Amino acid sequence: MDRVTLRDIANLTGYSMNTVSKALNNKGRISEEALKRIRACAYEHGYQPNMMARSMRGSDNNLIGVLISDLSDSFFVSLLAGVEEEAAARGMTVLVQNAHEDASLQINGFRKLLSYGCQWYVITPVRDYRTVLPVLQEANIHFVIADRVGPGMDEMDRVSINNRGDSKRAVEALLRQGHRRIALVNRDLGVQTEIERTLGYREALKEYGIQPSRDLELLCPDEETAREQVRALMRREDRPSAVFVAIDKFACGVLTALQAEGIRVSEDLALFIYGDLEWTKLYSSQVSMVHRDIHELGRASVRVLMDRPNEGKGEKADLYLDSELAVYEPETPGSEKAVSDEKRI
C-alpha cells in the first residue's frame, strides 16, 4: 500500500468513509469504540492527511496556527510543546511562525498561515503588539491570546499565567518570614507580564503596611545591568534582607552579584526567583521559587480555542493559571523544615 487514504482506512476497519472522516478530523459524534479502532488503524498504517486538500477547504480543516513572539525564549518553547500536545490529542496539526519580537514579522507570519487555510490561532503577542491586534480582529478567524495579556484585549479570549497573583504570594511568603526590606529585580521593557509582577510585589508590601520604595525596585533592561545594580545595592548599609527576582533570565546575574559581594544565599539574604530554569535546581535547597506550569498554559489555550466557539457568543474567556510556590524556610534552633500552605523545601 502506497499512500494510505481515508478509503483504505474505511476498508480496513469496515466503517463508512463518513465515519472514518469524523474520527480522523475530530468532527461529529461517533462511538468511542469506533473512534479508537479507526485511529488505531490509521496509526498502524501510517495514515497522513492531505494537508493541501485541507487548506483548499478553507475553514473546514484541522490546522492550528501558532504565532510565537520569540522561540529563542525557553518559555515559549514549553508553551508550544503544550499546544502541540493538546492539538495532537484532538487530531489537529500545528503550524508555527516565529516573530522574533517583531510586529511586522508577526503580521506577515499570520498572513502566511492564513494562506494555508488556518482558521484557528494561538497567539503570544510581541512586546509592541498595537499594530498586530487590528489585523487579527479584521480577519474572520478564531484565536486566543496566550500569556501576554494586556490593554486592548478585553474583547478577546485570553489565557495567561497569574503573574500578578503569583508575585504577590511570593512576596507575602517573604513578609511572613519577617522580611521588611525586600528588593525587586525585574526587566523594564514594557512587557505586560513583567509589569504585572511588579504590581504584585507592590500590592503585597502595601497590604503589610509597607510603602514600596523605588530605590529597592531594580527595573533593568538586561541581565548585566541587573547584576551591577544588585552589587551596588548589596554594598549599602541598609541593604535588603530579601530579594525577589521577578524574571528568571536575570537569576544567574543576581546570584553572580551576590557571590561577588560575599553575600550567602539563605544565610545572609533570602532569595525568591520567579520561574524555574533548569540550572536553578542546583540551588533548590536554598532558594524559593515560583514554578509555572507552562505546558498547561499551552494546553489550556487550545482547549479555550477549540471548545468555546461551540458554546456560542457570550463573555470572552479570561483564564489565569496559578503557579506553585516552593518556599525555602530557614531553620531556627529547635525547629524543623516544614511544608507551608504552598510548598516548602
Protein backbone atom coordinates (compact mmCIF):
# COMPACT_ATOMS: atom_id res chain seq x y z
CA MET A 1 0.00 0.00 0.00
CA ASP A 2 1.50 3.35 -1.06
CA ARG A 3 -0.14 6.43 0.44
CA VAL A 4 -2.88 5.35 2.84
CA THR A 5 -6.17 7.14 2.19
CA LEU A 6 -9.44 7.55 4.05
CA ARG A 7 -10.94 4.90 1.77
CA ASP A 8 -8.16 2.47 2.77
CA ILE A 9 -8.89 3.03 6.47
CA ALA A 10 -12.61 2.56 5.80
CA ASN A 11 -11.96 -0.75 4.00
CA LEU A 12 -9.61 -1.97 6.74
CA THR A 13 -11.97 -1.13 9.63
CA GLY A 14 -15.33 -1.79 7.97
CA TYR A 15 -16.63 1.68 8.77
CA SER A 16 -18.04 4.14 6.26
CA MET A 17 -15.94 6.92 4.73
CA ASN A 18 -18.08 9.43 6.60
CA THR A 19 -17.42 7.77 9.97
CA VAL A 20 -13.69 7.49 9.28
CA SER A 21 -13.54 11.16 8.30
CA LYS A 22 -15.29 12.19 11.53
CA ALA A 23 -12.87 10.14 13.61
CA LEU A 24 -9.73 11.45 11.95
CA ASN A 25 -10.91 15.03 11.59
CA ASN A 26 -12.29 15.35 15.14
CA LYS A 27 -15.72 16.34 13.84
CA GLY A 28 -19.17 14.96 14.56
CA ARG A 29 -20.24 12.31 17.03
CA ILE A 30 -19.25 8.66 16.77
CA SER A 31 -18.95 5.87 19.31
CA GLU A 32 -15.85 5.61 21.49
CA GLU A 33 -15.21 2.10 20.13
CA ALA A 34 -15.29 3.31 16.52
CA LEU A 35 -13.05 6.27 17.38
CA LYS A 36 -10.42 4.03 18.97
CA ARG A 37 -10.48 1.42 16.21
CA ILE A 38 -10.22 3.95 13.40
CA ARG A 39 -7.44 5.97 15.00
CA ALA A 40 -5.50 2.83 15.91
CA CYS A 41 -5.77 1.59 12.32
CA ALA A 42 -4.68 4.97 10.96
CA TYR A 43 -1.65 4.99 13.27
CA GLU A 44 -0.72 1.40 12.45
CA HIS A 45 -0.78 2.01 8.70
CA GLY A 46 0.89 5.43 8.82
CA TYR A 47 -2.06 7.47 7.61
CA GLN A 48 -1.17 11.12 6.92
CA PRO A 49 -3.84 13.69 6.00
CA ASN A 50 -3.58 15.54 2.70
CA MET A 51 -2.77 18.99 4.04
CA MET A 52 -3.04 20.69 0.64
CA ALA A 53 -6.55 19.37 0.22
CA ARG A 54 -7.46 20.53 3.71
CA SER A 55 -6.15 24.01 3.15
CA MET A 56 -8.21 24.26 -0.03
CA ARG A 57 -11.34 23.59 2.02
CA GLY A 58 -10.83 26.84 3.96
CA SER A 59 -12.38 26.74 7.42
CA ASP A 60 -13.05 23.01 7.27
CA ASN A 61 -9.57 21.99 8.32
CA ASN A 62 -7.66 20.77 11.35
CA LEU A 63 -4.86 23.31 11.27
CA ILE A 64 -3.93 25.40 14.30
CA GLY A 65 -1.67 28.33 13.53
CA VAL A 66 0.64 29.35 16.36
CA LEU A 67 2.18 32.82 16.28
CA ILE A 68 5.08 32.81 18.74
CA SER A 69 6.69 36.09 19.75
CA ASP A 70 10.19 34.65 20.26
CA LEU A 71 11.18 30.99 20.04
CA SER A 72 14.64 31.73 21.42
CA ASP A 73 12.91 32.09 24.79
CA SER A 74 12.56 28.70 26.53
CA PHE A 75 9.23 29.83 28.00
CA PHE A 76 7.63 29.91 24.56
CA VAL A 77 9.22 26.61 23.58
CA SER A 78 7.49 24.98 26.56
CA LEU A 79 4.22 26.74 25.76
CA LEU A 80 4.41 25.47 22.17
CA ALA A 81 5.01 21.93 23.43
CA GLY A 82 1.79 22.17 25.45
CA VAL A 83 -0.11 23.47 22.42
CA GLU A 84 1.18 20.58 20.29
CA GLU A 85 0.29 18.03 22.96
CA GLU A 86 -3.33 19.16 23.26
CA ALA A 87 -3.64 19.63 19.50
CA ALA A 88 -2.38 16.09 18.83
CA ALA A 89 -4.91 14.69 21.30
CA ARG A 90 -7.63 16.36 19.23
CA GLY A 91 -6.28 15.21 15.86
CA MET A 92 -5.11 18.72 14.98
CA THR A 93 -1.95 19.75 13.15
CA VAL A 94 0.12 22.72 14.34
CA LEU A 95 1.82 25.23 12.03
CA VAL A 96 4.22 27.71 13.65
CA GLN A 97 5.51 31.17 12.78
CA ASN A 98 8.21 32.85 14.89
CA ALA A 99 8.09 36.66 15.06
CA HIS A 100 11.46 37.31 16.73
CA GLU A 101 9.69 40.04 18.80
CA ASP A 102 8.93 41.99 15.61
CA ALA A 103 5.35 43.16 15.00
CA SER A 104 5.72 43.26 11.21
CA LEU A 105 7.07 39.70 11.19
CA GLN A 106 4.15 38.56 13.34
CA ILE A 107 1.66 40.12 10.91
CA ASN A 108 3.44 38.54 7.93
CA GLY A 109 3.50 35.19 9.73
CA PHE A 110 -0.23 35.44 10.36
CA ARG A 111 -0.94 36.16 6.71
CA LYS A 112 1.22 33.24 5.65
CA LEU A 113 -0.68 30.86 7.93
CA LEU A 114 -3.95 32.33 6.70
CA SER A 115 -2.91 31.43 3.14
CA TYR A 116 -2.69 27.79 4.27
CA GLY A 117 -6.32 27.93 5.35
CA CYS A 118 -5.73 28.16 9.11
CA GLN A 119 -8.84 29.34 10.93
CA TRP A 120 -7.68 28.60 14.49
CA TYR A 121 -4.83 30.51 16.16
CA VAL A 122 -2.90 30.58 19.43
CA ILE A 123 -1.05 33.88 19.66
CA THR A 124 1.66 35.12 22.02
CA PRO A 125 1.87 38.81 21.10
CA VAL A 126 5.17 40.56 20.54
CA ARG A 127 6.12 43.28 23.03
CA ASP A 128 4.75 46.09 20.86
CA TYR A 129 1.55 44.43 19.69
CA ARG A 130 -0.51 47.53 18.90
CA THR A 131 -0.33 47.06 15.12
CA VAL A 132 -0.97 43.31 15.37
CA LEU A 133 -4.36 43.35 17.12
CA PRO A 134 -6.33 45.22 14.40
CA VAL A 135 -5.11 42.73 11.77
CA LEU A 136 -6.34 39.81 13.89
CA GLN A 137 -9.68 41.45 14.64
CA GLU A 138 -10.40 42.17 10.99
CA ALA A 139 -9.85 38.55 9.94
CA ASN A 140 -12.69 36.03 10.22
CA ILE A 141 -10.83 33.59 12.46
CA HIS A 142 -10.93 32.03 15.93
CA PHE A 143 -7.98 32.98 18.12
CA VAL A 144 -6.85 33.04 21.73
CA ILE A 145 -4.19 35.26 23.29
CA ALA A 146 -1.73 33.20 25.32
CA ASP A 147 0.47 34.66 28.07
CA ARG A 148 0.97 38.34 27.22
CA VAL A 149 -2.47 39.66 28.10
CA GLY A 150 -2.59 43.45 28.06
CA PRO A 151 -4.56 46.61 27.21
CA GLY A 152 -6.79 46.39 24.15
CA MET A 153 -7.56 42.70 24.60
CA ASP A 154 -10.80 42.92 26.60
CA GLU A 155 -12.88 41.56 23.71
CA MET A 156 -10.57 38.61 23.07
CA ASP A 157 -10.23 35.16 24.59
CA ARG A 158 -7.24 35.22 26.94
CA VAL A 159 -5.22 32.61 28.82
CA SER A 160 -2.26 33.56 30.98
CA ILE A 161 -0.15 32.71 33.99
CA ASN A 162 -1.36 34.67 37.02
CA ASN A 163 1.78 36.81 37.09
CA ARG A 164 0.38 39.43 39.45
CA GLY A 165 -1.13 36.96 41.90
CA ASP A 166 1.92 34.67 41.87
CA SER A 167 4.28 37.57 42.61
CA LYS A 168 2.07 38.85 45.39
CA ARG A 169 2.01 35.41 47.05
CA ALA A 170 5.79 35.09 46.71
CA VAL A 171 6.44 38.44 48.41
CA GLU A 172 3.84 37.65 51.08
CA ALA A 173 5.78 34.46 51.87
CA LEU A 174 8.90 36.56 52.47
CA LEU A 175 6.92 39.02 54.59
CA ARG A 176 5.59 36.18 56.75
CA GLN A 177 9.19 35.18 57.41
CA GLY A 178 9.76 38.63 58.90
CA HIS A 179 11.44 40.40 56.00
CA ARG A 180 10.52 44.05 55.64
CA ARG A 181 13.16 45.38 53.25
CA ILE A 182 12.56 43.30 50.15
CA ALA A 183 14.18 44.30 46.87
CA LEU A 184 12.67 43.63 43.45
CA VAL A 185 14.72 42.75 40.36
CA ASN A 186 12.70 42.86 37.15
CA ARG A 187 13.04 43.73 33.47
CA ASP A 188 11.86 47.10 32.24
CA LEU A 189 10.88 46.63 28.60
CA GLY A 190 7.17 47.32 28.83
CA VAL A 191 6.13 43.65 28.63
CA GLN A 192 2.75 43.25 30.33
CA THR A 193 3.60 40.03 32.19
CA GLU A 194 6.61 41.70 33.81
CA ILE A 195 4.59 44.82 34.65
CA GLU A 196 2.05 42.57 36.41
CA ARG A 197 4.79 41.02 38.56
CA THR A 198 5.96 44.46 39.69
CA LEU A 199 2.37 45.36 40.60
CA GLY A 200 2.01 42.12 42.58
CA TYR A 201 5.20 42.94 44.51
CA ARG A 202 3.89 46.39 45.41
CA GLU A 203 0.44 45.10 46.41
CA ALA A 204 1.93 42.61 48.87
CA LEU A 205 4.03 45.31 50.56
CA LYS A 206 1.09 47.72 50.83
CA GLU A 207 -1.14 45.08 52.44
CA TYR A 208 1.53 44.72 55.15
CA GLY A 209 1.57 48.48 55.65
CA ILE A 210 4.88 48.98 53.83
CA GLN A 211 5.17 51.75 51.27
CA PRO A 212 7.10 50.43 48.23
CA SER A 213 10.46 52.14 47.92
CA ARG A 214 11.62 52.87 44.39
CA ASP A 215 15.26 52.58 45.47
CA LEU A 216 14.57 48.88 46.17
CA GLU A 217 12.99 48.36 42.75
CA LEU A 218 15.72 47.45 40.27
CA LEU A 219 13.97 47.64 36.90
CA CYS A 220 16.66 46.85 34.35
CA PRO A 221 16.84 46.47 30.56
CA ASP A 222 19.20 43.47 30.66
CA GLU A 223 20.96 40.97 32.92
CA GLU A 224 24.28 42.83 33.00
CA THR A 225 22.60 45.99 34.29
CA ALA A 226 20.74 43.94 36.89
CA ARG A 227 23.99 42.35 38.06
CA GLU A 228 25.68 45.72 38.55
CA GLN A 229 22.68 47.27 40.31
CA VAL A 230 22.39 44.31 42.70
CA ARG A 231 26.09 44.62 43.54
CA ALA A 232 25.63 48.32 44.30
CA LEU A 233 22.55 47.58 46.43
CA MET A 234 24.41 44.95 48.46
CA ARG A 235 27.15 47.46 49.35
CA ARG A 236 24.69 49.72 51.13
CA GLU A 237 24.47 49.74 54.92
CA ASP A 238 20.68 49.46 54.69
CA ARG A 239 20.77 46.63 52.19
CA PRO A 240 17.63 44.46 51.93
CA SER A 241 17.24 41.17 53.77
CA ALA A 242 15.47 39.55 50.81
CA VAL A 243 15.40 39.84 47.02
CA PHE A 244 12.54 38.87 44.72
CA VAL A 245 13.83 38.19 41.19
CA ALA A 246 10.73 38.58 39.04
CA ILE A 247 12.31 37.32 35.80
CA ASP A 248 14.27 34.08 35.70
CA LYS A 249 16.58 35.33 32.93
CA PHE A 250 18.19 37.65 35.46
CA ALA A 251 18.62 34.99 38.15
CA CYS A 252 22.14 33.99 37.12
CA GLY A 253 23.27 37.61 37.11
CA VAL A 254 21.75 38.19 40.55
CA LEU A 255 23.44 35.11 42.03
CA THR A 256 26.76 36.15 40.47
CA ALA A 257 26.39 39.61 42.01
CA LEU A 258 25.64 38.19 45.45
CA GLN A 259 28.61 35.86 45.25
CA ALA A 260 30.89 38.72 44.19
CA GLU A 261 29.80 40.74 47.23
CA GLY A 262 30.25 37.81 49.61
CA ILE A 263 26.51 37.51 50.31
CA ARG A 264 25.46 33.96 51.25
CA VAL A 265 22.04 32.97 49.95
CA SER A 266 19.70 31.73 52.71
CA GLU A 267 22.23 32.69 55.41
CA ASP A 268 22.72 36.40 54.74
CA LEU A 269 19.84 37.00 52.39
CA ALA A 270 16.60 35.30 51.31
CA LEU A 271 16.15 34.85 47.55
CA PHE A 272 12.90 34.20 45.69
CA ILE A 273 13.03 33.54 41.92
CA TYR A 274 10.06 33.77 39.57
CA GLY A 275 10.46 30.88 37.15
CA ASP A 276 12.31 27.60 37.13
CA LEU A 277 15.16 27.42 34.67
CA GLU A 278 16.83 24.01 34.69
CA TRP A 279 20.06 25.20 36.31
CA THR A 280 18.23 26.80 39.24
CA LYS A 281 17.54 23.29 40.58
CA LEU A 282 21.14 23.36 41.81
CA TYR A 283 20.00 25.97 44.36
CA SER A 284 16.63 24.41 45.20
CA SER A 285 17.70 23.70 48.78
CA GLN A 286 18.46 27.38 49.40
CA VAL A 287 16.21 29.41 47.13
CA SER A 288 12.44 29.87 46.98
CA MET A 289 10.87 29.61 43.53
CA VAL A 290 7.66 30.18 41.59
CA HIS A 291 7.06 27.06 39.47
CA ARG A 292 4.86 27.81 36.44
CA ASP A 293 3.10 25.04 34.53
CA ILE A 294 3.91 26.41 31.09
CA HIS A 295 2.86 23.19 29.34
CA GLU A 296 -0.59 23.54 30.90
CA LEU A 297 -0.75 27.13 29.64
CA GLY A 298 -0.30 25.80 26.10
CA ARG A 299 -2.83 23.01 26.60
CA ALA A 300 -5.39 25.36 28.18
CA SER A 301 -5.01 27.77 25.26
CA VAL A 302 -6.02 25.06 22.80
CA ARG A 303 -8.95 23.99 24.99
CA VAL A 304 -10.28 27.55 25.11
CA LEU A 305 -9.68 27.97 21.39
CA MET A 306 -11.43 24.77 20.29
CA ASP A 307 -14.22 24.46 22.85
CA ARG A 308 -15.55 28.00 23.22
CA PRO A 309 -16.78 28.53 19.61
CA ASN A 310 -19.17 25.63 20.15
CA GLU A 311 -20.73 27.43 23.09
CA GLY A 312 -21.96 30.35 21.04
CA LYS A 313 -21.44 34.03 21.69
CA GLY A 314 -21.03 35.35 25.17
CA GLU A 315 -18.37 36.63 27.54
CA LYS A 316 -14.85 36.05 26.39
CA ALA A 317 -12.60 33.60 28.22
CA ASP A 318 -10.33 35.24 30.78
CA LEU A 319 -8.35 32.39 32.35
CA TYR A 320 -5.42 32.89 34.71
CA LEU A 321 -3.37 29.90 35.90
CA ASP A 322 -1.90 29.98 39.42
CA SER A 323 1.63 28.70 39.89
CA GLU A 324 3.10 26.58 42.68
CA LEU A 325 5.38 28.24 45.21
CA ALA A 326 8.32 26.30 46.60
CA VAL A 327 9.18 28.32 49.71
CA TYR A 328 12.51 27.83 51.47
CA GLU A 329 12.13 28.03 55.24
CA PRO A 330 15.33 28.84 57.15
CA GLU A 331 15.97 26.60 60.09
CA THR A 332 15.93 28.09 63.55
CA PRO A 333 17.22 26.46 66.76
CA GLY A 334 14.88 23.68 67.81
CA SER A 335 12.82 23.83 64.63
CA GLU A 336 12.50 21.63 61.58
CA LYS A 337 11.90 22.43 57.94
CA ALA A 338 8.21 22.06 57.18
CA VAL A 339 5.79 22.26 54.30
CA SER A 340 3.88 25.53 54.09
CA ASP A 341 0.42 26.27 52.73
CA GLU A 342 2.09 26.37 49.34
CA LYS A 343 5.06 24.02 49.30
CA ARG A 344 8.16 24.34 51.36
CA ILE A 345 11.60 22.87 50.85
